[in-house]
């Protein structure tokens, strides 16, 4: 498996490894979410440095389910379906996203943690719906 961090020195990998051990989770799970067509899958592909996730064409969404991709031994990325495709589609996508956000696990010492450690929200900057004046 090719890692995005393969150019990192062994010292730096060990440093990251120690810090992840301190927070008690491996790998760090990052959910990528946002509106349809905002660039979630494109961002994921840029991070993993290959075409891992299929990319939709304009308003034709490609991602229908939540899928995980390993960035490296330290980070796992979760690609989610886009929001804004219509009420019934959004309802189904929100249920999937919410279920993953509510998922938890217990460590060997009994502590309970959320499965997703971080959420990256991709916003479409070309959209004028955000209240920005041009």
N, C-alpha and C. Protein backbone atom coordinates (compact mmCIF):
# COMPACT_ATOMS: atom_id res chain seq x y z
N UNK A 1 0.85 -1.18 0.00
CA UNK A 1 0.00 0.00 0.00
C UNK A 1 0.89 1.24 0.00
N UNK A 2 0.57 2.18 -0.86
CA UNK A 2 1.33 3.42 -0.96
C UNK A 2 0.80 4.44 0.03
N UNK A 3 1.64 5.02 0.84
CA UNK A 3 1.23 6.00 1.82
C UNK A 3 1.59 7.40 1.36
N UNK A 4 0.72 8.35 1.64
CA UNK A 4 0.99 9.75 1.32
C UNK A 4 2.15 10.28 2.14
N UNK A 5 2.46 9.63 3.25
CA UNK A 5 3.53 10.10 4.13
C UNK A 5 4.85 9.38 3.90
N UNK A 6 5.01 8.67 2.76
CA UNK A 6 6.21 7.87 2.60
C UNK A 6 7.47 8.71 2.52
N UNK A 7 7.37 10.00 2.19
CA UNK A 7 8.54 10.87 2.15
C UNK A 7 8.89 11.41 3.53
N UNK A 8 8.04 11.16 4.50
CA UNK A 8 8.30 11.61 5.87
C UNK A 8 9.43 10.77 6.45
N UNK A 9 10.29 11.40 7.22
CA UNK A 9 11.37 10.64 7.86
C UNK A 9 10.78 9.69 8.89
N UNK A 10 11.52 8.65 9.21
CA UNK A 10 11.05 7.69 10.22
C UNK A 10 10.83 8.39 11.56
N UNK A 11 11.66 9.38 11.86
CA UNK A 11 11.50 10.15 13.10
C UNK A 11 10.12 10.78 13.15
N UNK A 12 9.71 11.42 12.07
CA UNK A 12 8.41 12.10 12.05
C UNK A 12 7.28 11.09 12.14
N UNK A 13 7.39 9.96 11.48
CA UNK A 13 6.37 8.92 11.56
C UNK A 13 6.24 8.43 13.00
N UNK A 14 7.38 8.24 13.67
CA UNK A 14 7.36 7.80 15.07
C UNK A 14 6.71 8.86 15.96
N UNK A 15 6.98 10.14 15.67
CA UNK A 15 6.39 11.23 16.43
C UNK A 15 4.87 11.22 16.29
N UNK A 16 4.37 11.08 15.07
CA UNK A 16 2.92 11.02 14.82
C UNK A 16 2.33 9.79 15.50
N UNK A 17 3.04 8.68 15.39
CA UNK A 17 2.59 7.43 16.00
C UNK A 17 2.43 7.59 17.51
N UNK A 18 3.38 8.21 18.17
CA UNK A 18 3.31 8.44 19.62
C UNK A 18 2.13 9.33 19.99
N UNK A 19 1.90 10.39 19.22
CA UNK A 19 0.80 11.31 19.51
C UNK A 19 -0.55 10.62 19.34
N UNK A 20 -0.67 9.78 18.33
CA UNK A 20 -1.92 9.04 18.13
C UNK A 20 -2.13 8.05 19.28
N UNK A 21 -1.05 7.44 19.75
CA UNK A 21 -1.17 6.55 20.92
C UNK A 21 -1.65 7.31 22.15
N UNK A 22 -1.22 8.56 22.30
CA UNK A 22 -1.63 9.38 23.44
C UNK A 22 -3.14 9.65 23.40
N UNK A 23 -3.67 9.98 22.20
CA UNK A 23 -5.10 10.24 22.13
C UNK A 23 -5.91 8.95 22.14
N UNK A 24 -5.26 7.81 21.95
CA UNK A 24 -5.90 6.52 22.13
C UNK A 24 -6.78 6.07 20.99
N UNK A 25 -6.52 6.53 19.80
CA UNK A 25 -7.31 6.10 18.66
C UNK A 25 -6.40 5.84 17.47
N UNK A 26 -6.73 4.86 16.70
CA UNK A 26 -5.94 4.55 15.51
C UNK A 26 -6.84 3.86 14.52
N UNK A 27 -6.96 4.27 13.36
CA UNK A 27 -6.49 5.55 12.85
C UNK A 27 -7.43 6.68 13.28
N UNK A 28 -7.02 7.91 12.99
CA UNK A 28 -7.90 9.06 13.19
C UNK A 28 -8.91 9.02 12.05
N UNK A 29 -10.20 9.07 12.38
CA UNK A 29 -11.26 8.99 11.36
C UNK A 29 -11.80 10.38 11.06
N UNK A 30 -11.74 10.76 9.77
CA UNK A 30 -12.18 12.08 9.33
C UNK A 30 -13.31 11.91 8.32
N UNK A 31 -14.49 12.45 8.67
CA UNK A 31 -15.62 12.43 7.75
C UNK A 31 -15.56 13.67 6.86
N UNK A 32 -15.74 13.47 5.56
CA UNK A 32 -15.79 14.60 4.61
C UNK A 32 -17.24 14.73 4.17
N UNK A 33 -17.82 15.90 4.39
CA UNK A 33 -19.23 16.12 4.07
C UNK A 33 -19.44 17.49 3.45
N UNK A 34 -20.61 17.71 2.86
CA UNK A 34 -20.94 18.99 2.24
C UNK A 34 -22.00 18.80 1.16
N UNK A 35 -22.26 19.86 0.43
CA UNK A 35 -23.28 19.83 -0.61
C UNK A 35 -22.83 19.01 -1.81
N UNK A 36 -23.80 18.52 -2.57
CA UNK A 36 -23.51 17.83 -3.81
C UNK A 36 -22.75 18.77 -4.74
N UNK A 37 -21.66 18.26 -5.31
CA UNK A 37 -20.88 19.04 -6.27
C UNK A 37 -19.90 20.01 -5.65
N UNK A 38 -19.78 20.01 -4.32
CA UNK A 38 -18.87 20.95 -3.66
C UNK A 38 -17.40 20.54 -3.78
N UNK A 39 -17.15 19.25 -4.03
CA UNK A 39 -15.77 18.78 -4.20
C UNK A 39 -15.30 17.84 -3.11
N UNK A 40 -16.22 17.13 -2.47
CA UNK A 40 -15.84 16.19 -1.40
C UNK A 40 -14.94 15.08 -1.93
N UNK A 41 -15.40 14.39 -2.97
CA UNK A 41 -14.62 13.28 -3.52
C UNK A 41 -13.33 13.78 -4.17
N UNK A 42 -13.38 14.95 -4.79
CA UNK A 42 -12.18 15.54 -5.38
C UNK A 42 -11.15 15.83 -4.30
N UNK A 43 -11.60 16.37 -3.17
CA UNK A 43 -10.70 16.65 -2.04
C UNK A 43 -10.11 15.36 -1.51
N UNK A 44 -10.94 14.34 -1.35
CA UNK A 44 -10.47 13.04 -0.87
C UNK A 44 -9.40 12.49 -1.81
N UNK A 45 -9.65 12.53 -3.12
CA UNK A 45 -8.67 12.03 -4.08
C UNK A 45 -7.36 12.81 -4.00
N UNK A 46 -7.44 14.12 -3.78
CA UNK A 46 -6.23 14.93 -3.65
C UNK A 46 -5.45 14.51 -2.40
N UNK A 47 -6.15 14.23 -1.33
CA UNK A 47 -5.49 13.83 -0.08
C UNK A 47 -4.82 12.47 -0.19
N UNK A 48 -5.48 11.51 -0.85
CA UNK A 48 -4.89 10.17 -0.98
C UNK A 48 -3.95 10.07 -2.18
N UNK A 49 -3.87 11.12 -2.97
CA UNK A 49 -2.96 11.25 -4.11
C UNK A 49 -3.19 10.17 -5.17
N UNK A 50 -4.47 9.83 -5.39
CA UNK A 50 -4.87 8.91 -6.45
C UNK A 50 -6.36 9.04 -6.66
N UNK A 51 -6.87 8.46 -7.72
CA UNK A 51 -8.31 8.47 -7.95
C UNK A 51 -8.92 7.29 -7.21
N UNK A 52 -9.33 7.54 -5.98
CA UNK A 52 -9.93 6.50 -5.15
C UNK A 52 -11.45 6.57 -5.23
N UNK A 53 -11.99 7.78 -5.12
CA UNK A 53 -13.45 7.98 -5.14
C UNK A 53 -13.87 8.49 -6.51
N UNK A 54 -14.97 7.93 -7.02
CA UNK A 54 -15.51 8.40 -8.29
C UNK A 54 -16.06 9.81 -8.11
N UNK A 55 -15.92 10.61 -9.15
CA UNK A 55 -16.35 12.01 -9.09
C UNK A 55 -17.53 12.20 -10.03
N UNK A 56 -18.58 12.85 -9.51
CA UNK A 56 -19.78 13.10 -10.31
C UNK A 56 -19.57 14.23 -11.29
N UNK A 57 -20.47 14.34 -12.23
CA UNK A 57 -20.45 15.41 -13.23
C UNK A 57 -21.49 16.45 -12.85
N UNK A 58 -21.06 17.64 -12.56
CA UNK A 58 -21.92 18.77 -12.19
C UNK A 58 -22.98 18.37 -11.18
N UNK A 59 -24.25 18.34 -11.57
CA UNK A 59 -25.31 18.03 -10.61
C UNK A 59 -25.66 16.55 -10.59
N UNK A 60 -24.88 15.71 -11.27
CA UNK A 60 -25.11 14.27 -11.27
C UNK A 60 -24.19 13.64 -10.21
N UNK A 61 -24.70 13.45 -8.98
CA UNK A 61 -23.85 12.95 -7.90
C UNK A 61 -23.41 11.51 -8.14
N UNK A 62 -22.19 11.21 -7.74
CA UNK A 62 -21.64 9.87 -7.89
C UNK A 62 -21.68 9.10 -6.57
N UNK A 63 -21.43 9.79 -5.46
CA UNK A 63 -21.35 9.13 -4.15
C UNK A 63 -22.76 8.91 -3.59
N UNK A 64 -23.12 7.65 -3.43
CA UNK A 64 -24.45 7.30 -2.91
C UNK A 64 -24.38 6.73 -1.49
N UNK A 65 -23.22 6.19 -1.12
CA UNK A 65 -23.05 5.58 0.19
C UNK A 65 -21.80 6.16 0.85
N UNK A 66 -21.69 5.96 2.15
CA UNK A 66 -20.50 6.38 2.87
C UNK A 66 -19.42 5.31 2.66
N UNK A 67 -18.25 5.76 2.23
CA UNK A 67 -17.14 4.85 1.93
C UNK A 67 -15.88 5.34 2.62
N UNK A 68 -15.09 4.41 3.15
CA UNK A 68 -13.85 4.81 3.81
C UNK A 68 -12.65 4.54 2.91
N UNK A 69 -11.63 5.38 3.07
CA UNK A 69 -10.38 5.28 2.32
C UNK A 69 -9.24 5.54 3.29
N UNK A 70 -8.23 4.69 3.26
CA UNK A 70 -7.07 4.90 4.12
C UNK A 70 -6.13 5.89 3.46
N UNK A 71 -5.86 6.98 4.16
CA UNK A 71 -4.86 7.93 3.68
C UNK A 71 -3.48 7.34 3.94
N UNK A 72 -3.32 6.78 5.11
CA UNK A 72 -2.08 6.13 5.52
C UNK A 72 -2.40 5.36 6.78
N UNK A 73 -1.38 4.90 7.48
CA UNK A 73 -1.63 4.11 8.69
C UNK A 73 -2.19 4.95 9.83
N UNK A 74 -2.18 6.27 9.69
CA UNK A 74 -2.61 7.17 10.76
C UNK A 74 -4.00 7.76 10.55
N UNK A 75 -4.46 7.87 9.29
CA UNK A 75 -5.70 8.60 8.99
C UNK A 75 -6.57 7.80 8.02
N UNK A 76 -7.87 7.72 8.37
CA UNK A 76 -8.86 7.12 7.47
C UNK A 76 -9.87 8.20 7.15
N UNK A 77 -10.18 8.35 5.86
CA UNK A 77 -11.13 9.37 5.39
C UNK A 77 -12.44 8.69 5.01
N UNK A 78 -13.55 9.37 5.33
CA UNK A 78 -14.89 8.85 5.04
C UNK A 78 -15.58 9.81 4.07
N UNK A 79 -15.83 9.34 2.85
CA UNK A 79 -16.53 10.12 1.83
C UNK A 79 -18.03 9.91 2.02
N UNK A 80 -18.80 11.00 2.03
CA UNK A 80 -20.24 10.90 2.27
C UNK A 80 -21.01 11.40 1.05
N UNK A 81 -22.26 10.95 0.90
CA UNK A 81 -23.10 11.49 -0.16
C UNK A 81 -23.35 12.98 0.06
N UNK A 82 -23.51 13.70 -1.02
CA UNK A 82 -23.76 15.14 -0.92
C UNK A 82 -25.17 15.46 -0.48
N UNK A 83 -25.33 16.65 0.02
CA UNK A 83 -26.64 17.13 0.45
C UNK A 83 -27.13 18.18 -0.54
N UNK A 84 -28.44 18.26 -0.71
CA UNK A 84 -29.02 19.23 -1.62
C UNK A 84 -29.56 18.61 -2.89
N UNK A 85 -29.76 17.28 -2.88
CA UNK A 85 -30.26 16.58 -4.07
C UNK A 85 -31.77 16.43 -4.09
N UNK A 86 -32.43 16.90 -3.05
CA UNK A 86 -33.88 16.75 -2.94
C UNK A 86 -34.23 16.18 -1.59
N UNK A 87 -35.47 16.38 -1.19
CA UNK A 87 -35.90 16.02 0.15
C UNK A 87 -35.72 14.53 0.45
N UNK A 88 -36.17 13.65 -0.44
CA UNK A 88 -36.08 12.22 -0.13
C UNK A 88 -34.63 11.74 -0.13
N UNK A 89 -33.81 12.21 -1.08
CA UNK A 89 -32.40 11.82 -1.11
C UNK A 89 -31.67 12.37 0.12
N UNK A 90 -31.92 13.65 0.44
CA UNK A 90 -31.26 14.26 1.59
C UNK A 90 -31.61 13.53 2.88
N UNK A 91 -32.87 13.14 3.02
CA UNK A 91 -33.30 12.44 4.23
C UNK A 91 -32.51 11.14 4.40
N UNK A 92 -32.36 10.38 3.32
CA UNK A 92 -31.62 9.11 3.37
C UNK A 92 -30.14 9.37 3.66
N UNK A 93 -29.55 10.37 3.02
CA UNK A 93 -28.14 10.69 3.23
C UNK A 93 -27.89 11.17 4.65
N UNK A 94 -28.78 12.00 5.17
CA UNK A 94 -28.63 12.53 6.54
C UNK A 94 -28.70 11.38 7.55
N UNK A 95 -29.57 10.41 7.31
CA UNK A 95 -29.66 9.25 8.21
C UNK A 95 -28.35 8.48 8.24
N UNK A 96 -27.73 8.28 7.06
CA UNK A 96 -26.45 7.56 6.99
C UNK A 96 -25.34 8.34 7.70
N UNK A 97 -25.28 9.64 7.45
CA UNK A 97 -24.25 10.48 8.06
C UNK A 97 -24.43 10.53 9.57
N UNK A 98 -25.66 10.72 10.02
CA UNK A 98 -25.95 10.78 11.45
C UNK A 98 -25.60 9.47 12.14
N UNK A 99 -25.90 8.34 11.50
CA UNK A 99 -25.58 7.03 12.08
C UNK A 99 -24.07 6.89 12.29
N UNK A 100 -23.28 7.34 11.32
CA UNK A 100 -21.83 7.25 11.47
C UNK A 100 -21.33 8.20 12.56
N UNK A 101 -21.92 9.39 12.63
CA UNK A 101 -21.52 10.35 13.67
C UNK A 101 -21.89 9.86 15.07
N UNK A 102 -22.96 9.09 15.19
CA UNK A 102 -23.39 8.57 16.50
C UNK A 102 -22.68 7.28 16.89
N UNK A 103 -22.00 6.67 15.94
CA UNK A 103 -21.30 5.41 16.21
C UNK A 103 -20.19 5.67 17.23
N UNK A 104 -20.02 4.75 18.17
CA UNK A 104 -18.98 4.91 19.19
C UNK A 104 -18.33 3.55 19.45
N UNK A 105 -17.26 3.61 20.22
CA UNK A 105 -16.57 2.39 20.63
C UNK A 105 -15.99 2.60 22.02
N UNK A 106 -15.67 1.50 22.67
CA UNK A 106 -15.06 1.56 24.01
C UNK A 106 -13.62 1.05 23.90
N UNK A 107 -12.74 1.75 24.59
CA UNK A 107 -11.35 1.32 24.63
C UNK A 107 -11.18 0.23 25.67
N UNK A 108 -10.01 -0.36 25.73
CA UNK A 108 -9.76 -1.45 26.67
C UNK A 108 -9.90 -1.00 28.12
N UNK A 109 -9.72 0.30 28.38
CA UNK A 109 -9.87 0.79 29.77
C UNK A 109 -11.31 1.24 30.06
N UNK A 110 -12.23 1.01 29.11
CA UNK A 110 -13.64 1.30 29.34
C UNK A 110 -14.12 2.67 28.91
N UNK A 111 -13.22 3.53 28.44
CA UNK A 111 -13.64 4.85 27.97
C UNK A 111 -14.41 4.74 26.66
N UNK A 112 -15.45 5.56 26.54
CA UNK A 112 -16.27 5.55 25.33
C UNK A 112 -15.92 6.77 24.47
N UNK A 113 -15.70 6.53 23.17
CA UNK A 113 -15.33 7.59 22.24
C UNK A 113 -16.20 7.52 21.00
N UNK A 114 -16.41 8.68 20.38
CA UNK A 114 -17.08 8.72 19.09
C UNK A 114 -16.17 8.12 18.03
N UNK A 115 -16.75 7.43 17.07
CA UNK A 115 -15.97 6.78 16.02
C UNK A 115 -15.31 7.82 15.11
N UNK A 116 -16.05 8.86 14.76
CA UNK A 116 -15.52 9.92 13.91
C UNK A 116 -14.81 10.94 14.79
N UNK A 117 -13.55 11.21 14.49
CA UNK A 117 -12.74 12.12 15.30
C UNK A 117 -12.82 13.56 14.81
N UNK A 118 -13.11 13.73 13.53
CA UNK A 118 -13.12 15.07 12.95
C UNK A 118 -14.04 15.08 11.72
N UNK A 119 -14.68 16.22 11.48
CA UNK A 119 -15.52 16.37 10.29
C UNK A 119 -14.96 17.52 9.47
N UNK A 120 -14.71 17.26 8.20
CA UNK A 120 -14.26 18.27 7.26
C UNK A 120 -15.45 18.61 6.37
N UNK A 121 -15.94 19.85 6.47
CA UNK A 121 -17.08 20.28 5.67
C UNK A 121 -16.55 21.04 4.46
N UNK A 122 -16.88 20.54 3.28
CA UNK A 122 -16.46 21.19 2.04
C UNK A 122 -17.59 22.12 1.60
N UNK A 123 -17.29 23.41 1.50
CA UNK A 123 -18.28 24.40 1.08
C UNK A 123 -17.97 24.85 -0.34
N UNK A 124 -18.99 24.99 -1.14
CA UNK A 124 -18.85 25.45 -2.52
C UNK A 124 -18.76 26.97 -2.52
N UNK A 125 -17.57 27.50 -2.71
CA UNK A 125 -17.35 28.94 -2.66
C UNK A 125 -17.94 29.70 -3.83
N UNK A 126 -18.33 29.02 -4.89
CA UNK A 126 -18.91 29.72 -6.04
C UNK A 126 -20.39 29.98 -5.86
N UNK A 127 -20.97 29.41 -4.83
CA UNK A 127 -22.40 29.55 -4.57
C UNK A 127 -22.68 30.88 -3.88
N UNK A 128 -23.72 31.57 -4.31
CA UNK A 128 -24.07 32.86 -3.71
C UNK A 128 -25.11 32.71 -2.60
N UNK A 129 -25.51 31.49 -2.30
CA UNK A 129 -26.52 31.27 -1.26
C UNK A 129 -25.99 31.51 0.15
N UNK A 130 -24.73 31.74 0.32
CA UNK A 130 -24.16 31.91 1.65
C UNK A 130 -24.25 33.34 2.16
N UNK A 131 -24.85 34.23 1.40
CA UNK A 131 -25.05 35.59 1.87
C UNK A 131 -23.89 36.53 1.59
N UNK A 132 -22.99 36.13 0.73
CA UNK A 132 -21.85 36.98 0.40
C UNK A 132 -22.25 37.94 -0.72
N UNK A 133 -21.84 39.17 -0.62
CA UNK A 133 -22.10 40.13 -1.69
C UNK A 133 -20.95 40.08 -2.68
N UNK A 134 -21.29 40.09 -3.96
CA UNK A 134 -20.21 40.04 -4.96
C UNK A 134 -19.90 41.40 -5.51
